[in-house]
Amino acid sequence: MSLALVVQLAPSSPQGTASIEGVVVKLGTTDAVVDADVELSRVEGVAEAPMADAATAFFKTVLDGFGPSGAFPPAVIANEVQYAKSDASGRFLFRNLKPGKYRLVAARSAIGTPLYPAEYGQHDPRSRGLNFPVRTGESLRDLRLEMATPSVITGTVLDYDVEPMGHVGMLALIVQYRNGRSVPNVEQVTYTDERGQYRLPWLSPGSITWQLWFRILSARRCRKIPHLPVAVA
């Protein structure tokens, strides 16, 4: 007498056939960024490869500027996020991708020259990237992520008698354009020391639409220094 054992397996998620490859470089150059952490997230599904409702809702919340922090994605989106490291030439590769819309981000935590995180499709280092489509079997090549080197401004604040002014508040403001209007955003805040010296690090590279100025606040006066463009260090 023999027993027939029937095992019913749950259907697994179909493996994708698309791929994405590209390179991480320093902004405005061809210099490779080595050991960058590249993150690829599928943020929208399609009819042939849908996403769970919970994952869709989570990505919408995150892209609206909210969401949890942490080194790893929550379980609800773990299957939709992949990671890679840029090699010695700055290149990276993702295989077996499902169709849908994706976001691509690079960051680097290695010791060395600090670099701003970069998103594919962004217009400047402070703007958000784009959701881009990937179709079944498609091979996207030569996607480029450009990471900017932060700038720093140092100086001394003196009064009318050429004496150093200590404990003066300094605001570094970046002008961004939204819906055709210029909107100032605080980039950095610091205070001068007892010698009147200040240091404003991690400033975004300037461009024709980005300007920076200081507003010096003290009990003696309030003075605005004219626009000062910031160049890539």
Foldseek 3Di string as FASTA:
>chain_A
DDDDDDDDDDDDQDWFAEKEKAFEEAPPDQHGDFFKKKKKFFQADDPVHHADPVSNVQSVQVVVPDDDDDDADDPSRNVGMDIWTQHPSRMTMDGRDHWHWMKMKIADDDPDQHWQIWIFCAPFSPGHHDTDTDHGNYYHYHGYTHIAGKDKDKDFDADPVRQGDWFKKKWKWKWDADPNDTDIDTDDIDTAHPRRMDMDIRHTAFDPRIWIWIWTDDPVDIDTDDTDHHHGD
